[in-house]
Protein backbone atom coordinates (compact mmCIF):
# COMPACT_ATOMS: atom_id res chain seq x y z
CA MET A 1 35.22 -20.44 -29.67
CA LYS A 2 35.76 -23.16 -27.09
CA ARG A 3 34.73 -20.84 -24.27
CA PHE A 4 31.69 -19.66 -26.22
CA SER A 5 30.66 -23.23 -27.08
CA PHE A 6 30.98 -24.34 -23.47
CA SER A 7 28.92 -21.38 -22.27
CA SER A 8 26.24 -22.09 -24.87
CA LEU A 9 26.15 -25.74 -23.84
CA MET A 10 25.75 -24.84 -20.17
CA LEU A 11 22.99 -22.36 -21.06
CA VAL A 12 21.07 -24.96 -23.06
CA LEU A 13 21.45 -27.60 -20.35
CA GLY A 14 20.32 -25.16 -17.69
CA LEU A 15 17.23 -24.16 -19.67
CA LEU A 16 16.38 -27.79 -20.33
CA PHE A 17 16.77 -28.62 -16.65
CA ILE A 18 14.35 -25.83 -15.72
CA TYR A 19 11.74 -26.00 -18.48
CA ALA A 20 11.75 -29.65 -19.58
CA PRO A 21 9.66 -30.81 -16.57
CA MET A 22 7.11 -28.07 -17.31
CA LEU A 23 6.92 -29.14 -20.94
CA ILE A 24 6.42 -32.78 -19.92
CA LEU A 25 3.67 -31.72 -17.52
CA VAL A 26 1.85 -29.82 -20.28
CA ILE A 27 2.16 -32.76 -22.66
CA PHE A 28 0.80 -35.25 -20.14
CA SER A 29 -2.12 -32.95 -19.38
CA PHE A 30 -3.43 -34.01 -22.81
CA ASN A 31 -2.99 -37.70 -21.99
CA ALA A 32 -6.15 -39.73 -22.56
CA SER A 33 -5.12 -42.39 -20.04
CA LYS A 34 -6.10 -42.20 -16.38
CA LEU A 35 -2.59 -43.36 -15.49
CA VAL A 36 -0.27 -40.40 -15.55
CA THR A 37 2.83 -42.43 -16.40
CA VAL A 38 1.16 -44.34 -19.27
CA TRP A 39 0.54 -42.52 -22.53
CA GLY A 40 -2.88 -43.25 -23.98
CA GLY A 41 -3.16 -40.76 -26.82
CA TRP A 42 -4.16 -37.13 -27.12
CA SER A 43 -7.29 -35.87 -25.42
CA ILE A 44 -8.68 -32.70 -23.82
CA LYS A 45 -11.16 -34.48 -21.57
CA TRP A 46 -9.24 -33.57 -18.42
CA TYR A 47 -9.59 -29.88 -19.25
CA VAL A 48 -13.30 -30.38 -19.85
CA GLY A 49 -13.56 -32.39 -16.64
CA LEU A 50 -12.24 -29.46 -14.63
CA LEU A 51 -15.62 -27.80 -14.99
CA ASP A 52 -17.21 -30.64 -12.99
CA ASN A 53 -14.47 -30.79 -10.35
CA THR A 54 -15.87 -28.11 -8.07
CA GLN A 55 -13.49 -28.88 -5.22
CA LEU A 56 -10.35 -28.39 -7.30
CA MET A 57 -11.64 -25.31 -9.12
CA GLY A 58 -12.80 -23.83 -5.81
CA SER A 59 -9.28 -24.16 -4.44
CA VAL A 60 -7.90 -22.49 -7.57
CA VAL A 61 -10.26 -19.51 -7.23
CA ARG A 62 -9.51 -19.29 -3.51
CA SER A 63 -5.75 -19.31 -4.09
CA LEU A 64 -5.98 -16.63 -6.78
CA GLU A 65 -8.14 -14.48 -4.51
CA ILE A 66 -5.71 -14.76 -1.60
CA ALA A 67 -2.75 -14.10 -3.90
CA CYS A 68 -4.33 -10.89 -5.23
CA TYR A 69 -5.11 -9.62 -1.74
CA THR A 70 -1.60 -10.55 -0.59
CA ALA A 71 0.08 -8.74 -3.48
CA ILE A 72 -1.84 -5.52 -2.79
CA ALA A 73 -1.25 -5.56 0.97
CA ALA A 74 2.40 -6.63 0.70
CA VAL A 75 3.20 -3.86 -1.79
CA ALA A 76 1.56 -1.25 0.44
CA LEU A 77 3.24 -2.37 3.68
CA GLY A 78 6.57 -3.21 2.06
CA THR A 79 6.76 0.18 0.34
CA LEU A 80 6.07 2.03 3.59
CA ALA A 81 8.70 -0.04 5.41
CA ALA A 82 11.24 0.56 2.64
CA PHE A 83 10.52 4.29 2.68
CA VAL A 84 11.11 4.42 6.46
CA LEU A 85 14.36 2.44 6.22
CA THR A 86 15.82 4.53 3.38
CA ARG A 87 14.54 8.05 4.04
CA ILE A 88 14.29 8.21 7.84
CA THR A 89 17.87 7.43 8.76
CA HIS A 90 17.91 8.45 12.42
CA PHE A 91 15.29 7.24 14.88
CA LYS A 92 15.36 5.07 17.95
CA GLY A 93 14.99 1.40 17.19
CA ARG A 94 15.93 1.67 13.51
CA THR A 95 18.18 -1.39 13.68
CA LEU A 96 15.47 -3.38 15.45
CA PHE A 97 12.89 -2.25 12.92
CA GLY A 98 15.11 -3.28 10.01
CA GLY A 99 15.68 -6.68 11.60
CA LEU A 100 11.96 -7.20 12.15
CA VAL A 101 11.20 -6.27 8.53
CA THR A 102 13.72 -8.71 7.07
CA ALA A 103 13.23 -11.49 9.66
CA PRO A 104 10.65 -13.43 7.58
CA LEU A 105 13.27 -13.83 4.84
CA VAL A 106 15.48 -16.03 7.01
CA MET A 107 12.86 -17.47 9.34
CA PRO A 108 11.84 -21.07 8.53
CA GLU A 109 8.24 -21.20 7.34
CA VAL A 110 7.44 -23.93 9.86
CA ILE A 111 8.34 -21.62 12.73
CA THR A 112 6.48 -18.70 11.17
CA GLY A 113 3.38 -20.80 10.57
CA LEU A 114 3.40 -22.26 14.08
CA SER A 115 3.87 -18.84 15.70
CA LEU A 116 1.01 -17.36 13.65
CA LEU A 117 -1.21 -20.30 14.58
CA LEU A 118 -0.53 -19.75 18.27
CA LEU A 119 -1.15 -16.02 17.80
CA PHE A 120 -4.54 -16.56 16.15
CA VAL A 121 -5.57 -19.06 18.81
CA ALA A 122 -4.59 -16.64 21.61
CA MET A 123 -6.43 -13.77 19.91
CA ALA A 124 -9.55 -15.89 19.51
CA GLN A 125 -9.50 -16.67 23.23
CA MET A 126 -8.88 -13.08 24.35
CA ILE A 127 -10.91 -10.91 21.94
CA GLY A 128 -12.98 -13.50 20.09
CA TRP A 129 -11.32 -12.89 16.71
CA PRO A 130 -10.74 -14.73 14.50
CA GLN A 131 -13.56 -17.09 15.37
CA GLU A 132 -12.31 -19.57 12.78
CA ARG A 133 -9.28 -19.76 10.57
CA GLY A 134 -9.86 -19.24 6.87
CA ILE A 135 -9.09 -16.89 4.00
CA VAL A 136 -8.44 -13.89 6.26
CA THR A 137 -5.87 -15.67 8.40
CA ILE A 138 -4.11 -17.08 5.32
CA TRP A 139 -4.05 -13.60 3.82
CA ILE A 140 -2.50 -12.13 6.98
CA ALA A 141 0.14 -14.88 7.09
CA HIS A 142 1.05 -14.46 3.43
CA THR A 143 1.21 -10.68 3.76
CA THR A 144 3.56 -10.97 6.72
CA PHE A 145 5.82 -13.22 4.68
CA CYS A 146 5.72 -11.35 1.34
CA ALA A 147 6.01 -7.79 2.68
CA ALA A 148 9.64 -8.50 3.56
CA TYR A 149 10.48 -9.30 -0.07
CA VAL A 150 8.76 -6.14 -1.27
CA ALA A 151 10.63 -4.05 1.31
CA VAL A 152 13.99 -5.37 0.12
CA VAL A 153 13.21 -4.79 -3.57
CA VAL A 154 11.78 -1.30 -3.08
CA SER A 155 14.59 -0.29 -0.69
CA ALA A 156 17.17 -1.09 -3.35
CA ARG A 157 15.32 1.13 -5.83
CA LEU A 158 14.82 3.99 -3.38
CA ARG A 159 18.54 4.12 -2.61
CA GLU A 160 19.27 4.67 -6.31
CA LEU A 161 16.89 7.61 -6.77
CA ASP A 162 18.13 11.16 -7.22
CA LEU A 163 16.75 13.13 -4.28
CA SER A 164 17.26 16.42 -6.12
CA ILE A 165 14.10 15.78 -8.15
CA GLU A 166 11.97 15.47 -5.03
CA GLU A 167 13.70 18.42 -3.41
CA ALA A 168 13.05 20.54 -6.50
CA ALA A 169 9.36 19.65 -6.38
CA MET A 170 9.14 20.63 -2.72
CA ASP A 171 11.00 23.88 -3.44
CA LEU A 172 8.30 24.66 -6.00
CA GLY A 173 5.59 24.27 -3.34
CA ALA A 174 4.58 20.61 -3.55
CA ARG A 175 3.67 18.99 -0.26
CA PRO A 176 5.49 15.79 0.82
CA TRP A 177 2.47 13.53 0.18
CA LYS A 178 2.06 15.01 -3.30
CA VAL A 179 5.75 14.48 -4.04
CA PHE A 180 5.45 10.89 -2.85
CA PHE A 181 2.45 10.03 -5.02
CA LEU A 182 3.30 12.06 -8.13
CA ILE A 183 7.10 11.75 -8.28
CA THR A 184 8.41 8.98 -6.03
CA ILE A 185 5.79 6.35 -6.84
CA PRO A 186 6.18 6.68 -10.67
CA MET A 187 9.97 6.43 -10.36
CA ILE A 188 9.79 3.24 -8.27
CA ALA A 189 6.90 1.74 -10.27
CA PRO A 190 9.04 -1.06 -11.79
CA SER A 191 10.14 -2.22 -8.34
CA LEU A 192 6.54 -2.08 -7.12
CA ALA A 193 5.44 -4.22 -10.05
CA ALA A 194 8.28 -6.68 -9.39
CA GLY A 195 7.39 -6.88 -5.71
CA GLY A 196 3.71 -7.37 -6.49
CA MET A 197 4.42 -10.17 -8.96
CA MET A 198 6.80 -11.83 -6.51
CA SER A 199 4.22 -11.61 -3.71
CA PHE A 200 1.53 -13.03 -5.98
CA ALA A 201 3.73 -15.98 -6.97
CA LEU A 202 4.88 -16.68 -3.41
CA SER A 203 1.32 -16.60 -2.09
CA LEU A 204 0.02 -18.81 -4.88
CA ASP A 205 2.81 -21.33 -4.27
CA ASP A 206 2.77 -21.40 -0.46
CA LEU A 207 1.91 -24.65 1.27
CA VAL A 208 3.48 -24.55 4.74
CA LEU A 209 1.96 -21.33 6.08
CA ALA A 210 -1.45 -22.11 4.62
CA SER A 211 -1.40 -25.54 6.23
CA PHE A 212 -0.96 -23.98 9.69
CA VAL A 213 -3.40 -21.07 9.50
CA SER A 214 -6.16 -22.52 7.31
CA GLY A 215 -9.37 -24.09 8.49
CA PRO A 216 -12.29 -26.09 7.11
CA GLY A 217 -13.45 -24.79 3.75
CA SER A 218 -10.33 -22.73 3.10
CA THR A 219 -8.14 -25.24 1.29
CA THR A 220 -5.79 -23.60 -1.20
CA LEU A 221 -4.54 -25.10 -4.45
CA PRO A 222 -1.11 -26.22 -3.10
CA MET A 223 -2.85 -27.95 -0.20
CA GLU A 224 -5.31 -29.62 -2.57
CA VAL A 225 -2.52 -30.77 -4.88
CA PHE A 226 -0.38 -32.03 -1.99
CA SER A 227 -3.24 -34.04 -0.51
CA ALA A 228 -4.08 -35.49 -3.93
CA VAL A 229 -0.48 -36.37 -4.79
CA ARG A 230 -0.17 -38.44 -1.63
CA LEU A 231 -2.77 -40.78 -3.17
CA GLY A 232 -1.36 -40.51 -6.69
CA VAL A 233 -1.12 -37.76 -9.28
CA LYS A 234 -4.43 -37.20 -11.06
CA PRO A 235 -4.64 -35.98 -14.66
CA GLU A 236 -6.81 -33.03 -13.56
CA ILE A 237 -3.86 -31.69 -11.58
CA ASN A 238 -1.73 -31.65 -14.71
CA ALA A 239 -4.47 -29.73 -16.51
CA VAL A 240 -4.75 -27.15 -13.73
CA ALA A 241 -0.99 -26.72 -13.58
CA SER A 242 -0.86 -26.23 -17.35
CA LEU A 243 -3.53 -23.54 -17.19
CA ILE A 244 -1.64 -21.77 -14.43
CA LEU A 245 1.57 -21.92 -16.49
CA LEU A 246 -0.30 -20.45 -19.44
CA ALA A 247 -1.75 -17.63 -17.34
CA VAL A 248 1.61 -16.80 -15.74
CA SER A 249 3.33 -16.83 -19.14
CA LEU A 250 0.76 -14.46 -20.61
CA VAL A 251 1.00 -12.06 -17.69
CA THR A 252 4.81 -12.13 -17.81
CA PHE A 253 4.79 -11.46 -21.54
CA LEU A 254 2.37 -8.56 -21.17
CA VAL A 255 4.43 -7.01 -18.37
CA TRP A 256 7.61 -7.38 -20.44
CA TYR A 257 5.93 -5.93 -23.54
CA PHE A 258 4.51 -2.85 -21.83
CA SER A 259 7.72 -2.28 -19.86
CA ARG A 260 9.77 -2.44 -23.05
CA ARG A 261 7.33 -0.13 -24.81
CA ALA A 262 7.48 2.38 -21.95
CA GLU A 263 11.29 2.24 -21.97
CA GLU A 264 11.39 2.85 -25.72
CA ASN A 265 9.02 5.81 -25.37
CA ARG A 266 11.18 7.22 -22.60
CA LYS A 267 14.36 6.89 -24.69
CA ARG A 268 12.58 8.45 -27.67
CA ALA A 269 11.43 11.39 -25.52
CA ILE A 270 14.96 11.88 -24.16
CA GLN A 271 16.44 11.79 -27.66
CA GLN A 272 13.87 14.27 -28.88
CA ALA A 273 14.61 16.60 -25.98
CA ILE A 274 18.34 16.39 -26.72
CA GLU A 275 17.77 17.19 -30.38
CA GLU A 276 15.53 20.14 -29.52
CA SER A 277 18.07 21.52 -27.05
CA ALA A 278 20.82 21.14 -29.63
CA ALA A 279 18.73 22.96 -32.23
CA ASP A 280 18.02 25.76 -29.76
CA SER A 281 21.73 26.08 -28.96
CA TRP A 282 22.46 26.58 -32.67
CA LYS A 283 19.69 29.15 -33.05
CA GLN A 284 20.65 31.29 -30.06
CA PRO A 285 23.94 32.69 -31.51
CA GLU A 286 22.13 33.61 -34.73
CA VAL A 287 19.42 35.42 -32.74
CA ARG A 288 22.05 37.32 -30.75
CA ARG A 289 23.89 38.36 -33.90
CA ALA A 290 20.63 39.53 -35.44
CA GLU A 291 19.78 41.56 -32.35
CA THR A 292 23.23 43.18 -32.11
CA ALA A 293 23.61 43.84 -35.82
CA PRO A 294 23.60 47.59 -36.76
CA VAL A 295 20.46 48.86 -38.45
């Protein structure tokens, strides 16, 4: 009991440490006072005022757009890199390739952002692209950073797969690309979803890389919030953060619900198949006895 009580206490304290600041932020987003630290009653005027704050809402839309593009590109590139690392075991430069894939995980974001800035400047001087830094350069920087996380997550899943299923499909005449899209991709779908959600969250939250590779008119939400906080936290920021928390919570709940539903359907199908096979095994001896019985 003492061990259980201590564990429960640590769990409650840990959850409070993580979620109490978020709860306070949501509560103060309904504060009627212009001073964030002074409670002035309940009000929703800051949520209504977001409609008139075109600069802040523009940065929100821009950040969501970049995060969506980053999630798609990172999942595609990370999956291909993970497939090469796990399925193609012998080729020249494999160790170097693996190091290059995972390098963004340990590389400080300041160094990554500065190197990408110098790269874009050199490319603009040599080939004339990009003419100005904006959404495209931020998207490239975020994809470079997030693809490494996707590669690690998908590689772990690919190493756990049973290759006999893919080999059986190819023995039956399926081409490798068909096996990849119809068998491999469905089996690693949970890891792809996890990598996509992680890439979306990392891109939406990034400040350092975006600060280096952004230009005029391409300010993201973290940059807008950081510049505003330096002059004092505004109530509109609390409202935006609360809306983002609500959206993330809804998406997380929907992903959990559909994943749980799919898992239950899979278990039900397996149980049904086991019951049918057991029933067939009981019927087969009776059929044999009926066939061998004298007329």
